[in-house]
Amino acid sequence: MKLLFIRHTSVNMERGICYGHSDVDVADTFPGEAAAVKSALSGYTFDKVYCSPLSRCRKLAAECGYPSPVIDPRLLEMNFGAWEMKRYDDITDPRLQEWFDDYINVAPTGGESFMEQQARFLSLLEDLRKSGDKCVALFTHCGILVQALVTLRGMTPAEAFTNPPAYGSILEIDID
């Protein structure tokens, strides 16, 4: 099965804001970025198209010609809980340092850890493997592309986060 993980385009958000699960809008550069993604996908025929419920992913899917994808919350970005929509520099929660020291196992206050996100990603993969589909598009977020790199390409989380997938990038992975 061929999986194409498609990260949403740039967002209308200043750098340094923790926005994970928050439904933030796309940037003014959306038309050009979306056109590039649509062009890159033009040679594919998908059996099914899945999408995060957040508008930044749904807008890209629609612009690429998929206005009615299967919405799956397992494609959501990591949940940063109480830290959502705050500048990292303004978060005074003592748990922040614990999270920086061990983001694999420690969850943001009220949010989820890397391992919890991975559990929902693995649940999605299990369902995809059972589907019988040959080629699937998944409009999603950086955290899910990182999970794919770790789970399906064998990278360590540190390696995957060193050069995170860019906005509008496409990660193609073949699985059994």
C-alpha atoms as a PDB file:
ATOM      1  CA  MET A   1       0.000   0.000   0.000  1.00  0.00           C
ATOM      2  CA  LYS A   2       1.229   3.459  -0.907  1.00  0.00           C
ATOM      3  CA  LEU A   3       0.608   6.137   1.723  1.00  0.00           C
ATOM      4  CA  LEU A   4       1.030   9.824   0.946  1.00  0.00           C
ATOM      5  CA  PHE A   5       1.203  11.947   4.087  1.00  0.00           C
ATOM      6  CA  ILE A   6       0.544  15.566   3.088  1.00  0.00           C
ATOM      7  CA  ARG A   7       1.349  18.311   5.569  1.00  0.00           C
ATOM      8  CA  HIS A   8      -0.919  21.351   5.531  1.00  0.00           C
ATOM      9  CA  THR A   9       0.399  24.620   4.104  1.00  0.00           C
ATOM     10  CA  SER A  10       1.730  27.574   6.115  1.00  0.00           C
ATOM     11  CA  VAL A  11      -0.533  28.931   8.834  1.00  0.00           C
ATOM     12  CA  ASN A  12      -1.559  32.447   9.781  1.00  0.00           C
ATOM     13  CA  MET A  13       0.331  32.340  13.064  1.00  0.00           C
ATOM     14  CA  GLU A  14       3.462  34.039  14.299  1.00  0.00           C
ATOM     15  CA  ARG A  15       6.421  31.810  15.104  1.00  0.00           C
ATOM     16  CA  GLY A  16       6.797  30.550  18.651  1.00  0.00           C
ATOM     17  CA  ILE A  17       3.097  29.933  19.295  1.00  0.00           C
ATOM     18  CA  CYS A  18       2.064  26.473  20.432  1.00  0.00           C
ATOM     19  CA  TYR A  19      -1.029  25.751  18.308  1.00  0.00           C
ATOM     20  CA  GLY A  20      -1.234  21.924  17.886  1.00  0.00           C
ATOM     21  CA  HIS A  21      -4.948  21.018  18.146  1.00  0.00           C
ATOM     22  CA  SER A  22      -6.147  24.616  17.717  1.00  0.00           C
ATOM     23  CA  ASP A  23      -7.979  25.363  14.488  1.00  0.00           C
ATOM     24  CA  VAL A  24      -5.823  28.139  13.028  1.00  0.00           C
ATOM     25  CA  ASP A  25      -6.303  29.458   9.515  1.00  0.00           C
ATOM     26  CA  VAL A  26      -3.956  29.128   6.566  1.00  0.00           C
ATOM     27  CA  ALA A  27      -1.558  31.940   5.628  1.00  0.00           C
ATOM     28  CA  ASP A  28      -2.032  34.385   2.760  1.00  0.00           C
ATOM     29  CA  THR A  29       0.431  32.248   0.784  1.00  0.00           C
ATOM     30  CA  PHE A  30      -2.136  29.428   0.636  1.00  0.00           C
ATOM     31  CA  PRO A  31      -3.095  29.719  -3.062  1.00  0.00           C
ATOM     32  CA  GLY A  32       0.470  29.286  -4.291  1.00  0.00           C
ATOM     33  CA  GLU A  33       1.387  26.622  -1.757  1.00  0.00           C
ATOM     34  CA  ALA A  34      -1.807  24.657  -2.432  1.00  0.00           C
ATOM     35  CA  ALA A  35      -1.225  24.827  -6.195  1.00  0.00           C
ATOM     36  CA  ALA A  36       2.233  23.300  -5.704  1.00  0.00           C
ATOM     37  CA  VAL A  37       0.795  20.459  -3.600  1.00  0.00           C
ATOM     38  CA  LYS A  38      -2.005  19.853  -6.117  1.00  0.00           C
ATOM     39  CA  SER A  39       0.540  19.672  -8.931  1.00  0.00           C
ATOM     40  CA  ALA A  40       2.693  17.210  -6.979  1.00  0.00           C
ATOM     41  CA  LEU A  41      -0.351  14.965  -6.428  1.00  0.00           C
ATOM     42  CA  SER A  42      -1.563  15.098 -10.033  1.00  0.00           C
ATOM     43  CA  GLY A  43      -0.013  11.775 -11.038  1.00  0.00           C
ATOM     44  CA  TYR A  44      -1.754   9.769  -8.320  1.00  0.00           C
ATOM     45  CA  THR A  45      -5.112   8.025  -8.198  1.00  0.00           C
ATOM     46  CA  PHE A  46      -6.227   7.514  -4.618  1.00  0.00           C
ATOM     47  CA  ASP A  47      -8.511   4.737  -3.420  1.00  0.00           C
ATOM     48  CA  LYS A  48      -9.309   6.847  -0.392  1.00  0.00           C
ATOM     49  CA  VAL A  49      -8.456  10.292   0.954  1.00  0.00           C
ATOM     50  CA  TYR A  50      -8.295  10.928   4.702  1.00  0.00           C
ATOM     51  CA  CYS A  51      -8.011  14.254   6.456  1.00  0.00           C
ATOM     52  CA  SER A  52      -7.518  15.790   9.871  1.00  0.00           C
ATOM     53  CA  PRO A  53     -10.673  17.568  11.066  1.00  0.00           C
ATOM     54  CA  LEU A  54      -8.821  20.902  11.312  1.00  0.00           C
ATOM     55  CA  SER A  55      -9.584  23.498   8.649  1.00  0.00           C
ATOM     56  CA  ARG A  56      -5.955  23.979   7.589  1.00  0.00           C
ATOM     57  CA  CYS A  57      -5.949  20.379   6.345  1.00  0.00           C
ATOM     58  CA  ARG A  58      -9.518  20.343   5.023  1.00  0.00           C
ATOM     59  CA  LYS A  59      -8.873  23.490   2.950  1.00  0.00           C
ATOM     60  CA  LEU A  60      -5.802  21.935   1.364  1.00  0.00           C
ATOM     61  CA  ALA A  61      -7.634  18.683   0.606  1.00  0.00           C
ATOM     62  CA  ALA A  62     -10.484  20.622  -1.035  1.00  0.00           C
ATOM     63  CA  GLU A  63      -8.095  22.792  -3.052  1.00  0.00           C
ATOM     64  CA  CYS A  64      -6.348  19.631  -4.278  1.00  0.00           C
ATOM     65  CA  GLY A  65      -9.663  18.253  -5.562  1.00  0.00           C
ATOM     66  CA  TYR A  66     -10.865  16.259  -2.549  1.00  0.00           C
ATOM     67  CA  PRO A  67     -13.743  18.247  -1.020  1.00  0.00           C
ATOM     68  CA  SER A  68     -15.206  15.265   0.879  1.00  0.00           C
ATOM     69  CA  PRO A  69     -12.341  13.318   2.448  1.00  0.00           C
ATOM     70  CA  VAL A  70     -12.811  10.848   5.278  1.00  0.00           C
ATOM     71  CA  ILE A  71     -12.314  12.954   8.418  1.00  0.00           C
ATOM     72  CA  ASP A  72     -10.260  11.068  10.994  1.00  0.00           C
ATOM     73  CA  PRO A  73      -9.251  12.660  14.324  1.00  0.00           C
ATOM     74  CA  ARG A  74      -6.297  10.271  14.561  1.00  0.00           C
ATOM     75  CA  LEU A  75      -4.644  12.561  11.982  1.00  0.00           C
ATOM     76  CA  LEU A  76      -4.717  15.542  14.361  1.00  0.00           C
ATOM     77  CA  GLU A  77      -1.544  17.292  15.447  1.00  0.00           C
ATOM     78  CA  MET A  78      -0.278  16.653  18.972  1.00  0.00           C
ATOM     79  CA  ASN A  79      -2.574  18.024  21.663  1.00  0.00           C
ATOM     80  CA  PHE A  80      -0.671  20.625  23.684  1.00  0.00           C
ATOM     81  CA  GLY A  81      -3.486  20.963  26.240  1.00  0.00           C
ATOM     82  CA  ALA A  82      -3.213  24.050  28.473  1.00  0.00           C
ATOM     83  CA  TRP A  83      -0.336  25.349  26.357  1.00  0.00           C
ATOM     84  CA  GLU A  84      -2.403  25.726  23.173  1.00  0.00           C
ATOM     85  CA  MET A  85      -2.251  29.217  21.616  1.00  0.00           C
ATOM     86  CA  LYS A  86       0.423  30.411  24.049  1.00  0.00           C
ATOM     87  CA  ARG A  87       3.923  31.570  23.187  1.00  0.00           C
ATOM     88  CA  TYR A  88       6.432  29.008  24.381  1.00  0.00           C
ATOM     89  CA  ASP A  89       8.268  31.896  26.082  1.00  0.00           C
ATOM     90  CA  ASP A  90       5.114  32.765  28.049  1.00  0.00           C
ATOM     91  CA  ILE A  91       4.378  29.264  29.365  1.00  0.00           C
ATOM     92  CA  THR A  92       5.180  29.281  33.081  1.00  0.00           C
ATOM     93  CA  ASP A  93       4.040  25.718  33.735  1.00  0.00           C
ATOM     94  CA  PRO A  94       6.875  23.872  35.546  1.00  0.00           C
ATOM     95  CA  ARG A  95       6.004  20.834  33.444  1.00  0.00           C
ATOM     96  CA  LEU A  96       7.404  22.618  30.374  1.00  0.00           C
ATOM     97  CA  GLN A  97      10.989  21.799  31.342  1.00  0.00           C
ATOM     98  CA  GLU A  98      10.022  18.177  32.052  1.00  0.00           C
ATOM     99  CA  TRP A  99       8.479  18.021  28.571  1.00  0.00           C
ATOM    100  CA  PHE A 100      11.579  19.538  26.932  1.00  0.00           C
ATOM    101  CA  ASP A 101      13.703  16.981  28.794  1.00  0.00           C
ATOM    102  CA  ASP A 102      11.498  13.990  27.838  1.00  0.00           C
ATOM    103  CA  TYR A 103       8.924  14.902  25.166  1.00  0.00           C
ATOM    104  CA  ILE A 104       8.646  11.210  24.274  1.00  0.00           C
ATOM    105  CA  ASN A 105       6.949  10.266  27.536  1.00  0.00           C
ATOM    106  CA  VAL A 106       5.899  13.524  29.222  1.00  0.00           C
ATOM    107  CA  ALA A 107       2.683  15.192  28.083  1.00  0.00           C
ATOM    108  CA  PRO A 108       1.997  18.916  28.164  1.00  0.00           C
ATOM    109  CA  THR A 109      -0.444  19.747  30.960  1.00  0.00           C
ATOM    110  CA  GLY A 110      -3.838  18.516  29.759  1.00  0.00           C
ATOM    111  CA  GLY A 111      -2.335  17.346  26.455  1.00  0.00           C
ATOM    112  CA  GLU A 112      -0.699  14.237  25.055  1.00  0.00           C
ATOM    113  CA  SER A 113       2.827  12.861  24.872  1.00  0.00           C
ATOM    114  CA  PHE A 114       4.666  11.728  21.757  1.00  0.00           C
ATOM    115  CA  MET A 115       3.888   8.121  22.740  1.00  0.00           C
ATOM    116  CA  GLU A 116       0.174   8.882  23.112  1.00  0.00           C
ATOM    117  CA  GLN A 117       0.145  10.470  19.669  1.00  0.00           C
ATOM    118  CA  GLN A 118       2.010   7.434  18.364  1.00  0.00           C
ATOM    119  CA  ALA A 119      -0.658   5.113  19.813  1.00  0.00           C
ATOM    120  CA  ARG A 120      -3.405   6.827  17.800  1.00  0.00           C
ATOM    121  CA  PHE A 121      -1.164   6.845  14.714  1.00  0.00           C
ATOM    122  CA  LEU A 122      -0.597   3.085  15.085  1.00  0.00           C
ATOM    123  CA  SER A 123      -4.354   2.557  15.416  1.00  0.00           C
ATOM    124  CA  LEU A 124      -4.842   4.414  12.130  1.00  0.00           C
ATOM    125  CA  LEU A 125      -2.114   2.365  10.430  1.00  0.00           C
ATOM    126  CA  GLU A 126      -3.722  -0.862  11.583  1.00  0.00           C
ATOM    127  CA  ASP A 127      -7.045   0.180  10.048  1.00  0.00           C
ATOM    128  CA  LEU A 128      -5.356   1.281   6.815  1.00  0.00           C
ATOM    129  CA  ARG A 129      -3.600  -2.071   6.483  1.00  0.00           C
ATOM    130  CA  LYS A 130      -6.949  -3.865   6.834  1.00  0.00           C
ATOM    131  CA  SER A 131      -8.681  -1.624   4.277  1.00  0.00           C
ATOM    132  CA  GLY A 132      -7.440  -3.313   1.117  1.00  0.00           C
ATOM    133  CA  ASP A 133      -6.717   0.091  -0.438  1.00  0.00           C
ATOM    134  CA  LYS A 134      -3.653   0.385  -2.672  1.00  0.00           C
ATOM    135  CA  CYS A 135      -3.015   4.142  -2.615  1.00  0.00           C
ATOM    136  CA  VAL A 136      -4.164   6.508   0.137  1.00  0.00           C
ATOM    137  CA  ALA A 137      -3.735  10.250   0.714  1.00  0.00           C
ATOM    138  CA  LEU A 138      -3.648  11.608   4.264  1.00  0.00           C
ATOM    139  CA  PHE A 139      -3.907  15.393   4.748  1.00  0.00           C
ATOM    140  CA  THR A 140      -2.399  15.988   8.146  1.00  0.00           C
ATOM    141  CA  HIS A 141       0.180  17.728  10.355  1.00  0.00           C
ATOM    142  CA  CYS A 142       3.906  17.750  11.064  1.00  0.00           C
ATOM    143  CA  GLY A 143       3.549  15.520  14.139  1.00  0.00           C
ATOM    144  CA  ILE A 144       1.892  12.775  12.101  1.00  0.00           C
ATOM    145  CA  LEU A 145       4.578  12.979   9.395  1.00  0.00           C
ATOM    146  CA  VAL A 146       7.167  12.653  12.176  1.00  0.00           C
ATOM    147  CA  GLN A 147       5.295   9.596  13.501  1.00  0.00           C
ATOM    148  CA  ALA A 148       5.415   8.094   9.991  1.00  0.00           C
ATOM    149  CA  LEU A 149       9.163   8.733   9.746  1.00  0.00           C
ATOM    150  CA  VAL A 150       9.741   7.106  13.136  1.00  0.00           C
ATOM    151  CA  THR A 151       7.334   4.184  12.754  1.00  0.00           C
ATOM    152  CA  LEU A 152       7.674   3.386   9.065  1.00  0.00           C
ATOM    153  CA  ARG A 153      11.143   4.638   8.161  1.00  0.00           C
ATOM    154  CA  GLY A 154      12.940   3.716  11.394  1.00  0.00           C
ATOM    155  CA  MET A 155      14.176   7.185  12.261  1.00  0.00           C
ATOM    156  CA  THR A 156      14.601   8.180  15.885  1.00  0.00           C
ATOM    157  CA  PRO A 157      12.332  10.989  17.072  1.00  0.00           C
ATOM    158  CA  ALA A 158      15.398  13.217  17.463  1.00  0.00           C
ATOM    159  CA  GLU A 159      16.376  12.562  13.832  1.00  0.00           C
ATOM    160  CA  ALA A 160      12.841  13.205  12.603  1.00  0.00           C
ATOM    161  CA  PHE A 161      12.555  16.475  14.535  1.00  0.00           C
ATOM    162  CA  THR A 162      15.995  17.733  13.430  1.00  0.00           C
ATOM    163  CA  ASN A 163      14.633  18.603   9.984  1.00  0.00           C
ATOM    164  CA  PRO A 164      10.849  18.560  10.421  1.00  0.00           C
ATOM    165  CA  PRO A 165       8.721  18.168   7.287  1.00  0.00           C
ATOM    166  CA  ALA A 166       8.031  21.548   5.689  1.00  0.00           C
ATOM    167  CA  TYR A 167       4.601  23.066   5.209  1.00  0.00           C
ATOM    168  CA  GLY A 168       3.016  21.591   2.097  1.00  0.00           C
ATOM    169  CA  SER A 169       5.453  18.683   1.981  1.00  0.00           C
ATOM    170  CA  ILE A 170       4.493  15.187   0.872  1.00  0.00           C
ATOM    171  CA  LEU A 171       5.934  12.057   2.430  1.00  0.00           C
ATOM    172  CA  GLU A 172       5.403   8.923   0.332  1.00  0.00           C
ATOM    173  CA  ILE A 173       5.841   5.576   2.073  1.00  0.00           C
ATOM    174  CA  ASP A 174       5.065   2.067   0.835  1.00  0.00           C
ATOM    175  CA  ILE A 175       3.930  -0.402   3.495  1.00  0.00           C
ATOM    176  CA  ASP A 176       2.970  -4.085   3.459  1.00  0.00           C
END
